[in-house]
Amino acid sequence: MIRIIDHDKVELSNLNRQVLHWDRDIGRSKVDSATEKLSQLNQGVKIEAIEEIITEDNIHRLVNGFDLIVDAMDNLPTRYLLNKVAIDKNIPFFHGAVYGFEGRVMTIIPGKTACLRCIYQGLPPEEKFPVTGVTPAVIGCIQATEVIKYIVGIGKLLTNRLLVYDRFNLKFTELVVKTDPNCEHCGHLMKEG
């Protein structure tokens, strides 16, 4: 079962980077459009579409009963919510982010690895940023690979490592990430462990 959560409608500007929608879907709910297309690709997949904004009040309900969380959000505050609930519920969290020509990927295993909050402190200024279509495709493929490796139990996950993709210079950089013992999300797990 896959649960898709989004509150937005499909816009023309989405189509260069969101392959779950056709141009005929402009104006439709993203979760409905995505569910329809995924069902056409594989009728055996079970999809639950929830058209909601992820908030502190509903996050636990929205992830309840699921074995992992894949981050495809466009803002850090919601990513922080997903990171925190993943740690609270001991659910692996597959982080992916895109900003213009750059993308970042990291896998978080609660109680064993650094988390998103260990890396980023505070909130960046809110701004609209350009996203070129192929950057999310690269990041999404890496996230999907991480999910498959985790489920099957093969290979080395991107844990305690942040993979940064620089599309402009066609370069991948891997940064070692250390757990922050004072992290407000996961620090208590490291002290208990």
N, C-alpha and C. Protein backbone atom coordinates (compact mmCIF):
# COMPACT_ATOMS: atom_id res chain seq x y z
N MET A 1 0.84 -1.19 0.00
CA MET A 1 0.00 0.00 0.00
C MET A 1 0.88 1.24 0.00
N ILE A 2 0.56 2.16 -0.87
CA ILE A 2 1.24 3.45 -0.94
C ILE A 2 0.22 4.52 -0.56
N ARG A 3 0.61 5.40 0.34
CA ARG A 3 -0.25 6.54 0.69
C ARG A 3 0.41 7.79 0.14
N ILE A 4 -0.32 8.53 -0.67
CA ILE A 4 0.16 9.78 -1.24
C ILE A 4 -0.57 10.92 -0.55
N ILE A 5 0.20 11.88 -0.04
CA ILE A 5 -0.39 13.01 0.67
C ILE A 5 0.06 14.30 0.01
N ASP A 6 -0.90 15.10 -0.41
CA ASP A 6 -0.61 16.41 -1.01
C ASP A 6 -1.90 17.21 -1.00
N HIS A 7 -1.78 18.51 -0.90
CA HIS A 7 -2.97 19.37 -0.87
C HIS A 7 -3.09 20.25 -2.12
N ASP A 8 -2.10 20.18 -2.99
CA ASP A 8 -2.07 21.09 -4.14
C ASP A 8 -2.84 20.56 -5.35
N LYS A 9 -3.06 21.48 -6.27
CA LYS A 9 -3.63 21.17 -7.58
C LYS A 9 -2.50 21.17 -8.60
N VAL A 10 -2.66 20.44 -9.66
CA VAL A 10 -1.68 20.39 -10.73
C VAL A 10 -1.68 21.73 -11.47
N GLU A 11 -0.48 22.29 -11.66
CA GLU A 11 -0.32 23.54 -12.40
C GLU A 11 0.61 23.28 -13.59
N LEU A 12 0.51 24.12 -14.59
CA LEU A 12 1.35 23.98 -15.77
C LEU A 12 2.83 23.95 -15.39
N SER A 13 3.22 24.77 -14.42
CA SER A 13 4.64 24.84 -14.02
C SER A 13 5.12 23.54 -13.37
N ASN A 14 4.22 22.67 -12.95
CA ASN A 14 4.61 21.38 -12.35
C ASN A 14 5.07 20.37 -13.39
N LEU A 15 4.58 20.49 -14.61
CA LEU A 15 4.72 19.42 -15.59
C LEU A 15 6.16 19.16 -16.04
N ASN A 16 7.06 20.11 -15.86
CA ASN A 16 8.44 19.87 -16.26
C ASN A 16 9.20 18.99 -15.27
N ARG A 17 8.63 18.76 -14.08
CA ARG A 17 9.36 18.02 -13.06
C ARG A 17 8.51 16.96 -12.35
N GLN A 18 7.23 16.91 -12.60
CA GLN A 18 6.36 15.96 -11.92
C GLN A 18 5.72 15.05 -12.96
N VAL A 19 6.28 13.88 -13.12
CA VAL A 19 5.87 12.98 -14.19
C VAL A 19 4.59 12.21 -13.87
N LEU A 20 4.01 12.45 -12.74
CA LEU A 20 2.75 11.78 -12.38
C LEU A 20 1.52 12.48 -12.96
N HIS A 21 1.73 13.55 -13.70
CA HIS A 21 0.61 14.32 -14.21
C HIS A 21 0.76 14.57 -15.71
N TRP A 22 -0.37 14.65 -16.39
CA TRP A 22 -0.43 15.02 -17.81
C TRP A 22 -0.89 16.46 -17.90
N ASP A 23 -0.77 17.07 -19.06
CA ASP A 23 -1.26 18.44 -19.21
C ASP A 23 -2.78 18.51 -19.02
N ARG A 24 -3.48 17.43 -19.33
CA ARG A 24 -4.94 17.41 -19.14
C ARG A 24 -5.33 17.43 -17.65
N ASP A 25 -4.34 17.20 -16.76
CA ASP A 25 -4.61 17.17 -15.32
C ASP A 25 -4.52 18.55 -14.67
N ILE A 26 -4.15 19.55 -15.41
CA ILE A 26 -4.02 20.91 -14.84
C ILE A 26 -5.35 21.28 -14.18
N GLY A 27 -5.26 21.69 -12.92
CA GLY A 27 -6.44 22.06 -12.14
C GLY A 27 -6.96 20.94 -11.26
N ARG A 28 -6.56 19.71 -11.55
CA ARG A 28 -7.00 18.56 -10.73
C ARG A 28 -6.16 18.45 -9.46
N SER A 29 -6.69 17.75 -8.51
CA SER A 29 -5.94 17.43 -7.30
C SER A 29 -4.73 16.59 -7.67
N LYS A 30 -3.56 16.92 -7.14
CA LYS A 30 -2.35 16.16 -7.44
C LYS A 30 -2.48 14.70 -6.98
N VAL A 31 -3.10 14.48 -5.83
CA VAL A 31 -3.21 13.09 -5.36
C VAL A 31 -4.12 12.27 -6.26
N ASP A 32 -5.17 12.87 -6.78
CA ASP A 32 -6.06 12.14 -7.70
C ASP A 32 -5.37 11.84 -9.02
N SER A 33 -4.67 12.83 -9.56
CA SER A 33 -3.95 12.64 -10.81
C SER A 33 -2.86 11.58 -10.66
N ALA A 34 -2.10 11.66 -9.57
CA ALA A 34 -1.02 10.69 -9.32
C ALA A 34 -1.58 9.28 -9.14
N THR A 35 -2.66 9.16 -8.41
CA THR A 35 -3.28 7.85 -8.19
C THR A 35 -3.74 7.24 -9.51
N GLU A 36 -4.36 8.05 -10.33
CA GLU A 36 -4.85 7.57 -11.63
C GLU A 36 -3.70 7.07 -12.50
N LYS A 37 -2.63 7.87 -12.59
CA LYS A 37 -1.52 7.48 -13.46
C LYS A 37 -0.81 6.24 -12.92
N LEU A 38 -0.56 6.19 -11.62
CA LEU A 38 0.11 5.02 -11.05
C LEU A 38 -0.72 3.76 -11.23
N SER A 39 -2.03 3.90 -11.10
CA SER A 39 -2.93 2.75 -11.30
C SER A 39 -2.89 2.26 -12.74
N GLN A 40 -2.73 3.18 -13.69
CA GLN A 40 -2.62 2.79 -15.09
C GLN A 40 -1.30 2.08 -15.36
N LEU A 41 -0.24 2.49 -14.66
CA LEU A 41 1.06 1.86 -14.83
C LEU A 41 1.10 0.46 -14.23
N ASN A 42 0.41 0.29 -13.10
CA ASN A 42 0.41 -1.01 -12.41
C ASN A 42 -0.91 -1.15 -11.66
N GLN A 43 -1.82 -1.94 -12.21
CA GLN A 43 -3.14 -2.09 -11.59
C GLN A 43 -3.08 -2.84 -10.27
N GLY A 44 -1.96 -3.52 -10.00
CA GLY A 44 -1.82 -4.27 -8.75
C GLY A 44 -1.43 -3.44 -7.55
N VAL A 45 -1.00 -2.20 -7.78
CA VAL A 45 -0.59 -1.36 -6.66
C VAL A 45 -1.82 -0.76 -5.98
N LYS A 46 -1.81 -0.80 -4.66
CA LYS A 46 -2.89 -0.20 -3.88
C LYS A 46 -2.44 1.17 -3.42
N ILE A 47 -3.24 2.17 -3.74
CA ILE A 47 -2.89 3.55 -3.44
C ILE A 47 -4.01 4.20 -2.65
N GLU A 48 -3.62 4.90 -1.61
CA GLU A 48 -4.56 5.70 -0.85
C GLU A 48 -4.16 7.16 -1.03
N ALA A 49 -5.05 7.96 -1.55
CA ALA A 49 -4.78 9.37 -1.80
C ALA A 49 -5.43 10.22 -0.71
N ILE A 50 -4.63 11.06 -0.09
CA ILE A 50 -5.14 11.96 0.94
C ILE A 50 -4.81 13.39 0.56
N GLU A 51 -5.84 14.19 0.37
CA GLU A 51 -5.66 15.58 -0.02
C GLU A 51 -5.72 16.46 1.24
N GLU A 52 -4.55 16.60 1.86
CA GLU A 52 -4.43 17.39 3.09
C GLU A 52 -3.07 18.06 3.13
N ILE A 53 -3.00 19.12 3.90
CA ILE A 53 -1.72 19.75 4.23
C ILE A 53 -1.18 18.98 5.43
N ILE A 54 0.09 18.61 5.39
CA ILE A 54 0.71 17.93 6.52
C ILE A 54 0.99 18.96 7.60
N THR A 55 0.45 18.70 8.79
CA THR A 55 0.62 19.61 9.92
C THR A 55 1.06 18.83 11.16
N GLU A 56 1.42 19.55 12.18
CA GLU A 56 1.78 18.94 13.46
C GLU A 56 0.59 18.17 14.04
N ASP A 57 -0.61 18.65 13.78
CA ASP A 57 -1.82 18.02 14.33
C ASP A 57 -2.19 16.71 13.64
N ASN A 58 -1.86 16.56 12.34
CA ASN A 58 -2.31 15.36 11.63
C ASN A 58 -1.19 14.40 11.22
N ILE A 59 0.06 14.78 11.44
CA ILE A 59 1.18 13.99 10.93
C ILE A 59 1.20 12.56 11.46
N HIS A 60 0.92 12.36 12.73
CA HIS A 60 0.93 11.00 13.29
C HIS A 60 -0.15 10.14 12.64
N ARG A 61 -1.31 10.69 12.44
CA ARG A 61 -2.40 9.95 11.78
C ARG A 61 -2.04 9.63 10.33
N LEU A 62 -1.42 10.57 9.65
CA LEU A 62 -1.12 10.39 8.23
C LEU A 62 -0.07 9.30 7.97
N VAL A 63 0.86 9.10 8.89
CA VAL A 63 1.89 8.07 8.67
C VAL A 63 1.59 6.77 9.41
N ASN A 64 0.53 6.77 10.22
CA ASN A 64 0.20 5.59 11.02
C ASN A 64 0.01 4.35 10.14
N GLY A 65 0.67 3.25 10.52
CA GLY A 65 0.51 1.99 9.83
C GLY A 65 1.44 1.79 8.64
N PHE A 66 2.34 2.73 8.38
CA PHE A 66 3.25 2.61 7.25
C PHE A 66 4.67 2.31 7.73
N ASP A 67 5.42 1.63 6.87
CA ASP A 67 6.74 1.12 7.23
C ASP A 67 7.89 2.05 6.87
N LEU A 68 7.64 3.05 6.05
CA LEU A 68 8.69 4.00 5.69
C LEU A 68 8.06 5.27 5.14
N ILE A 69 8.87 6.34 5.15
CA ILE A 69 8.41 7.64 4.68
C ILE A 69 9.39 8.12 3.60
N VAL A 70 8.85 8.51 2.45
CA VAL A 70 9.66 9.08 1.38
C VAL A 70 9.32 10.57 1.28
N ASP A 71 10.33 11.40 1.43
CA ASP A 71 10.18 12.85 1.45
C ASP A 71 10.25 13.41 0.03
N ALA A 72 9.18 14.05 -0.39
CA ALA A 72 9.17 14.75 -1.68
C ALA A 72 8.57 16.14 -1.47
N MET A 73 8.86 16.70 -0.31
CA MET A 73 8.28 17.99 0.06
C MET A 73 9.05 19.15 -0.57
N ASP A 74 8.43 20.32 -0.56
CA ASP A 74 9.08 21.49 -1.14
C ASP A 74 9.41 22.54 -0.08
N ASN A 75 9.38 22.13 1.20
CA ASN A 75 9.70 23.10 2.24
C ASN A 75 10.28 22.39 3.47
N LEU A 76 11.19 23.07 4.14
CA LEU A 76 11.89 22.49 5.28
C LEU A 76 11.00 22.30 6.51
N PRO A 77 10.06 23.20 6.83
CA PRO A 77 9.21 22.95 8.00
C PRO A 77 8.46 21.62 7.93
N THR A 78 7.93 21.27 6.76
CA THR A 78 7.21 19.99 6.63
C THR A 78 8.20 18.83 6.69
N ARG A 79 9.37 19.01 6.13
CA ARG A 79 10.41 17.96 6.25
C ARG A 79 10.76 17.72 7.71
N TYR A 80 10.85 18.78 8.49
CA TYR A 80 11.12 18.63 9.93
C TYR A 80 10.02 17.81 10.59
N LEU A 81 8.76 18.06 10.23
CA LEU A 81 7.65 17.28 10.79
C LEU A 81 7.79 15.80 10.43
N LEU A 82 8.12 15.52 9.16
CA LEU A 82 8.30 14.13 8.73
C LEU A 82 9.47 13.48 9.45
N ASN A 83 10.57 14.21 9.59
CA ASN A 83 11.75 13.72 10.29
C ASN A 83 11.40 13.35 11.73
N LYS A 84 10.70 14.25 12.41
CA LYS A 84 10.34 14.04 13.82
C LYS A 84 9.41 12.85 14.00
N VAL A 85 8.39 12.73 13.15
CA VAL A 85 7.45 11.62 13.28
C VAL A 85 8.14 10.30 12.94
N ALA A 86 9.06 10.33 11.99
CA ALA A 86 9.82 9.12 11.66
C ALA A 86 10.60 8.65 12.88
N ILE A 87 11.23 9.58 13.58
CA ILE A 87 11.98 9.23 14.78
C ILE A 87 11.04 8.76 15.89
N ASP A 88 9.95 9.49 16.10
CA ASP A 88 8.98 9.11 17.14
C ASP A 88 8.41 7.72 16.92
N LYS A 89 8.15 7.36 15.66
CA LYS A 89 7.52 6.07 15.34
C LYS A 89 8.52 5.01 14.89
N ASN A 90 9.81 5.36 14.91
CA ASN A 90 10.86 4.43 14.51
C ASN A 90 10.66 3.92 13.07
N ILE A 91 10.40 4.86 12.16
CA ILE A 91 10.15 4.55 10.75
C ILE A 91 11.30 5.13 9.92
N PRO A 92 11.93 4.35 9.05
CA PRO A 92 12.97 4.90 8.19
C PRO A 92 12.42 6.06 7.34
N PHE A 93 13.27 7.06 7.15
CA PHE A 93 12.90 8.29 6.45
C PHE A 93 13.88 8.52 5.32
N PHE A 94 13.37 8.59 4.09
CA PHE A 94 14.20 8.76 2.91
C PHE A 94 14.05 10.19 2.42
N HIS A 95 15.04 11.00 2.77
CA HIS A 95 15.01 12.44 2.49
C HIS A 95 15.54 12.73 1.09
N GLY A 96 14.83 13.59 0.39
CA GLY A 96 15.28 14.09 -0.90
C GLY A 96 14.84 15.54 -1.05
N ALA A 97 15.73 16.38 -1.52
CA ALA A 97 15.40 17.80 -1.67
C ALA A 97 16.04 18.33 -2.94
N VAL A 98 15.40 19.33 -3.53
CA VAL A 98 15.89 19.94 -4.77
C VAL A 98 15.81 21.46 -4.63
N TYR A 99 16.85 22.11 -5.10
CA TYR A 99 16.88 23.57 -5.16
C TYR A 99 17.59 23.95 -6.45
N GLY A 100 16.84 24.35 -7.45
CA GLY A 100 17.44 24.74 -8.72
C GLY A 100 18.21 23.61 -9.37
N PHE A 101 19.51 23.79 -9.50
CA PHE A 101 20.37 22.79 -10.12
C PHE A 101 20.96 21.80 -9.11
N GLU A 102 20.57 21.91 -7.85
CA GLU A 102 21.14 21.06 -6.82
C GLU A 102 20.08 20.14 -6.21
N GLY A 103 20.50 18.93 -5.86
CA GLY A 103 19.64 18.00 -5.16
C GLY A 103 20.41 17.34 -4.04
N ARG A 104 19.68 16.87 -3.03
CA ARG A 104 20.31 16.22 -1.87
C ARG A 104 19.49 15.00 -1.48
N VAL A 105 20.20 13.96 -1.07
CA VAL A 105 19.56 12.71 -0.67
C VAL A 105 20.26 12.17 0.57
N MET A 106 19.46 11.60 1.49
CA MET A 106 20.00 10.97 2.69
C MET A 106 18.95 10.00 3.24
N THR A 107 19.42 8.89 3.76
CA THR A 107 18.53 7.92 4.40
C THR A 107 18.73 8.00 5.90
N ILE A 108 17.62 8.06 6.63
CA ILE A 108 17.65 8.21 8.08
C ILE A 108 17.00 6.98 8.71
N ILE A 109 17.74 6.30 9.57
CA ILE A 109 17.23 5.15 10.32
C ILE A 109 17.20 5.58 11.79
N PRO A 110 16.00 5.82 12.33
CA PRO A 110 15.90 6.33 13.70
C PRO A 110 16.66 5.47 14.71
N GLY A 111 17.38 6.16 15.59
CA GLY A 111 18.14 5.49 16.65
C GLY A 111 19.48 4.95 16.20
N LYS A 112 19.74 4.99 14.88
CA LYS A 112 21.00 4.44 14.37
C LYS A 112 21.82 5.45 13.60
N THR A 113 21.15 6.46 13.02
CA THR A 113 21.86 7.41 12.16
C THR A 113 21.51 8.84 12.53
N ALA A 114 22.29 9.74 11.99
CA ALA A 114 21.97 11.16 12.10
C ALA A 114 20.64 11.40 11.40
N CYS A 115 19.95 12.43 11.84
CA CYS A 115 18.66 12.77 11.24
C CYS A 115 18.76 14.11 10.52
N LEU A 116 17.68 14.50 9.91
CA LEU A 116 17.64 15.75 9.15
C LEU A 116 17.94 16.96 10.05
N ARG A 117 17.45 16.91 11.27
CA ARG A 117 17.64 18.04 12.18
C ARG A 117 19.09 18.13 12.67
N CYS A 118 19.82 17.02 12.61
CA CYS A 118 21.25 17.05 12.94
C CYS A 118 22.01 17.89 11.92
N ILE A 119 21.50 17.92 10.69
CA ILE A 119 22.16 18.64 9.60
C ILE A 119 21.75 20.10 9.57
N TYR A 120 20.44 20.33 9.56
CA TYR A 120 19.91 21.68 9.37
C TYR A 120 19.40 22.23 10.70
N GLN A 121 19.87 23.40 11.06
CA GLN A 121 19.40 24.07 12.26
C GLN A 121 18.57 25.28 11.84
N GLY A 122 17.44 25.45 12.46
CA GLY A 122 16.59 26.60 12.16
C GLY A 122 15.92 26.47 10.81
N LEU A 123 15.38 27.57 10.34
CA LEU A 123 14.67 27.59 9.07
C LEU A 123 15.30 28.61 8.13
N PRO A 124 15.43 28.24 6.85
CA PRO A 124 15.93 29.23 5.89
C PRO A 124 14.83 30.24 5.60
N PRO A 125 15.20 31.39 5.03
CA PRO A 125 14.16 32.36 4.66
C PRO A 125 13.25 31.74 3.61
N GLU A 126 11.94 32.05 3.71
CA GLU A 126 11.00 31.53 2.73
C GLU A 126 11.20 32.27 1.41
N GLU A 127 11.27 31.49 0.35
CA GLU A 127 11.42 32.07 -0.97
C GLU A 127 10.97 31.06 -2.01
N LYS A 128 10.58 31.57 -3.14
CA LYS A 128 10.28 30.70 -4.28
C LYS A 128 11.61 30.43 -4.97
N PHE A 129 11.82 29.18 -5.35
CA PHE A 129 13.07 28.86 -6.00
C PHE A 129 12.80 28.08 -7.28
N PRO A 130 13.64 28.28 -8.26
CA PRO A 130 13.44 27.58 -9.54
C PRO A 130 13.89 26.13 -9.42
N VAL A 131 13.17 25.26 -10.09
CA VAL A 131 13.55 23.85 -10.13
C VAL A 131 13.54 23.42 -11.59
N THR A 132 14.66 22.92 -12.04
CA THR A 132 14.73 22.41 -13.40
C THR A 132 14.30 20.96 -13.41
N GLY A 133 13.57 20.56 -14.42
CA GLY A 133 12.88 19.28 -14.47
C GLY A 133 13.69 18.03 -14.20
N VAL A 134 14.91 17.96 -14.68
CA VAL A 134 15.64 16.71 -14.54
C VAL A 134 16.25 16.52 -13.15
N THR A 135 16.44 17.58 -12.40
CA THR A 135 17.03 17.44 -11.07
C THR A 135 16.14 16.61 -10.15
N PRO A 136 14.82 16.86 -10.06
CA PRO A 136 13.99 15.99 -9.23
C PRO A 136 13.97 14.54 -9.73
N ALA A 137 14.12 14.34 -11.03
CA ALA A 137 14.15 12.98 -11.56
C ALA A 137 15.36 12.22 -11.04
N VAL A 138 16.52 12.87 -11.03
CA VAL A 138 17.74 12.23 -10.52
C VAL A 138 17.58 11.93 -9.03
N ILE A 139 17.12 12.91 -8.27
CA ILE A 139 16.97 12.73 -6.82
C ILE A 139 15.92 11.66 -6.52
N GLY A 140 14.81 11.69 -7.23
CA GLY A 140 13.76 10.67 -7.04
C GLY A 140 14.26 9.28 -7.33
N CYS A 141 15.06 9.12 -8.37
CA CYS A 141 15.61 7.79 -8.70
C CYS A 141 16.56 7.30 -7.61
N ILE A 142 17.35 8.21 -7.06
CA ILE A 142 18.25 7.81 -5.97
C ILE A 142 17.44 7.43 -4.73
N GLN A 143 16.40 8.20 -4.42
CA GLN A 143 15.54 7.86 -3.29
C GLN A 143 14.89 6.49 -3.51
N ALA A 144 14.37 6.25 -4.70
CA ALA A 144 13.73 4.96 -4.99
C ALA A 144 14.73 3.82 -4.84
N THR A 145 15.97 4.05 -5.27
CA THR A 145 17.02 3.04 -5.10
C THR A 145 17.26 2.76 -3.63
N GLU A 146 17.31 3.80 -2.83
CA GLU A 146 17.51 3.64 -1.38
C GLU A 146 16.37 2.84 -0.76
N VAL A 147 15.13 3.14 -1.16
CA VAL A 147 13.97 2.41 -0.63
C VAL A 147 14.07 0.93 -1.00
N ILE A 148 14.39 0.64 -2.25
CA ILE A 148 14.51 -0.76 -2.69
C ILE A 148 15.62 -1.47 -1.92
N LYS A 149 16.77 -0.83 -1.78
CA LYS A 149 17.88 -1.43 -1.03
C LYS A 149 17.47 -1.72 0.41
N TYR A 150 16.74 -0.79 1.02
CA TYR A 150 16.29 -0.98 2.40
C TYR A 150 15.32 -2.16 2.50
N ILE A 151 14.33 -2.20 1.63
CA ILE A 151 13.32 -3.26 1.67
C ILE A 151 13.95 -4.63 1.42
N VAL A 152 14.83 -4.71 0.43
CA VAL A 152 15.45 -5.98 0.07
C VAL A 152 16.60 -6.34 1.01
N GLY A 153 17.18 -5.34 1.66
CA GLY A 153 18.28 -5.59 2.58
C GLY A 153 19.62 -5.79 1.90
N ILE A 154 19.85 -5.03 0.82
CA ILE A 154 21.12 -5.17 0.10
C ILE A 154 21.82 -3.82 0.01
N GLY A 155 23.13 -3.86 -0.21
CA GLY A 155 23.89 -2.65 -0.46
C GLY A 155 24.08 -1.79 0.77
N LYS A 156 24.79 -0.70 0.57
CA LYS A 156 25.07 0.26 1.64
C LYS A 156 24.16 1.48 1.45
N LEU A 157 23.35 1.75 2.44
CA LEU A 157 22.44 2.89 2.38
C LEU A 157 23.18 4.20 2.57
N LEU A 158 22.54 5.28 2.16
CA LEU A 158 23.09 6.62 2.36
C LEU A 158 22.80 7.11 3.78
N THR A 159 23.23 6.33 4.75
CA THR A 159 23.06 6.70 6.15
C THR A 159 24.32 7.41 6.62
N ASN A 160 24.12 8.43 7.43
CA ASN A 160 25.21 9.27 7.93
C ASN A 160 26.03 9.86 6.78
N ARG A 161 25.40 9.96 5.64
CA ARG A 161 26.02 10.56 4.45
C ARG A 161 24.96 11.35 3.71
N LEU A 162 25.29 12.56 3.34
CA LEU A 162 24.41 13.39 2.54
C LEU A 162 25.01 13.46 1.14
N LEU A 163 24.28 12.93 0.16
CA LEU A 163 24.73 12.96 -1.22
C LEU A 163 24.20 14.23 -1.87
N VAL A 164 25.09 15.06 -2.36
CA VAL A 164 24.72 16.33 -2.98
C VAL A 164 24.99 16.22 -4.48
N TYR A 165 23.96 16.49 -5.27
CA TYR A 165 24.05 16.42 -6.72
C TYR A 165 24.08 17.84 -7.27
N ASP A 166 25.13 18.18 -7.97
CA ASP A 166 25.28 19.49 -8.61
C ASP A 166 25.11 19.27 -10.11
N ARG A 167 23.91 19.51 -10.58
CA ARG A 167 23.60 19.27 -11.99
C ARG A 167 24.35 20.25 -12.89
N PHE A 168 24.53 21.45 -12.43
CA PHE A 168 25.18 22.48 -13.24
C PHE A 168 26.60 22.04 -13.64
N ASN A 169 27.33 21.45 -12.68
CA ASN A 169 28.70 20.99 -12.94
C ASN A 169 28.78 19.48 -13.11
N LEU A 170 27.61 18.80 -13.10
CA LEU A 170 27.51 17.35 -13.19
C LEU A 170 28.50 16.67 -12.24
N LYS A 171 28.24 16.92 -10.95
CA LYS A 171 29.14 16.43 -9.92
C LYS A 171 28.34 15.94 -8.72
N PHE A 172 28.75 14.80 -8.17
CA PHE A 172 28.17 14.29 -6.93
C PHE A 172 29.21 14.47 -5.82
N THR A 173 28.76 14.98 -4.69
CA THR A 173 29.62 15.13 -3.53
C THR A 173 28.96 14.42 -2.36
N GLU A 174 29.75 13.67 -1.62
CA GLU A 174 29.21 12.96 -0.46
C GLU A 174 29.78 13.60 0.80
N LEU A 175 28.90 14.04 1.68
CA LEU A 175 29.30 14.67 2.93
C LEU A 175 29.00 13.71 4.08
N VAL A 176 29.96 13.53 4.97
CA VAL A 176 29.74 12.70 6.15
C VAL A 176 28.93 13.52 7.15
N VAL A 177 27.90 12.90 7.71
CA VAL A 177 27.02 13.57 8.66
C VAL A 177 27.14 12.86 10.00
N LYS A 178 27.33 13.62 11.04
CA LYS A 178 27.44 13.05 12.38
C LYS A 178 26.19 13.37 13.18
N THR A 179 25.82 12.44 14.03
CA THR A 179 24.68 12.66 14.91
C THR A 179 25.02 13.75 15.90
N ASP A 180 24.11 14.68 16.07
CA ASP A 180 24.26 15.76 17.04
C ASP A 180 23.66 15.27 18.36
N PRO A 181 24.48 15.06 19.39
CA PRO A 181 23.94 14.55 20.66
C PRO A 181 22.92 15.50 21.30
N ASN A 182 22.92 16.75 20.87
CA ASN A 182 21.97 17.73 21.38
C ASN A 182 20.82 17.99 20.41
N CYS A 183 20.69 17.14 19.39
CA CYS A 183 19.63 17.30 18.40
C CYS A 183 18.27 17.23 19.09
N GLU A 184 17.41 18.19 18.79
CA GLU A 184 16.09 18.21 19.43
C GLU A 184 15.17 17.10 18.94
N HIS A 185 15.51 16.45 17.80
CA HIS A 185 14.68 15.35 17.29
C HIS A 185 15.20 13.98 17.71
N CYS A 186 16.49 13.74 17.56
CA CYS A 186 17.01 12.38 17.80
C CYS A 186 18.03 12.29 18.92
N GLY A 187 18.44 13.40 19.48
CA GLY A 187 19.49 13.38 20.52
C GLY A 187 19.15 12.48 21.69
N HIS A 188 17.89 12.43 22.08
CA HIS A 188 17.49 11.58 23.21
C HIS A 188 17.70 10.10 22.91
N LEU A 189 17.55 9.70 21.65
CA LEU A 189 17.77 8.28 21.29
C LEU A 189 19.24 7.91 21.41
N MET A 190 20.11 8.84 21.06
CA MET A 190 21.54 8.57 21.14
C MET A 190 21.98 8.49 22.60
N LYS A 191 21.36 9.30 23.46
CA LYS A 191 21.71 9.26 24.89
C LYS A 191 21.20 7.98 25.54
N GLU A 192 20.02 7.50 25.08
CA GLU A 192 19.44 6.26 25.62
C GLU A 192 20.22 5.04 25.14
N GLY A 193 20.70 5.10 23.87
CA GLY A 193 21.38 3.95 23.25
C GLY A 193 22.78 3.84 23.72
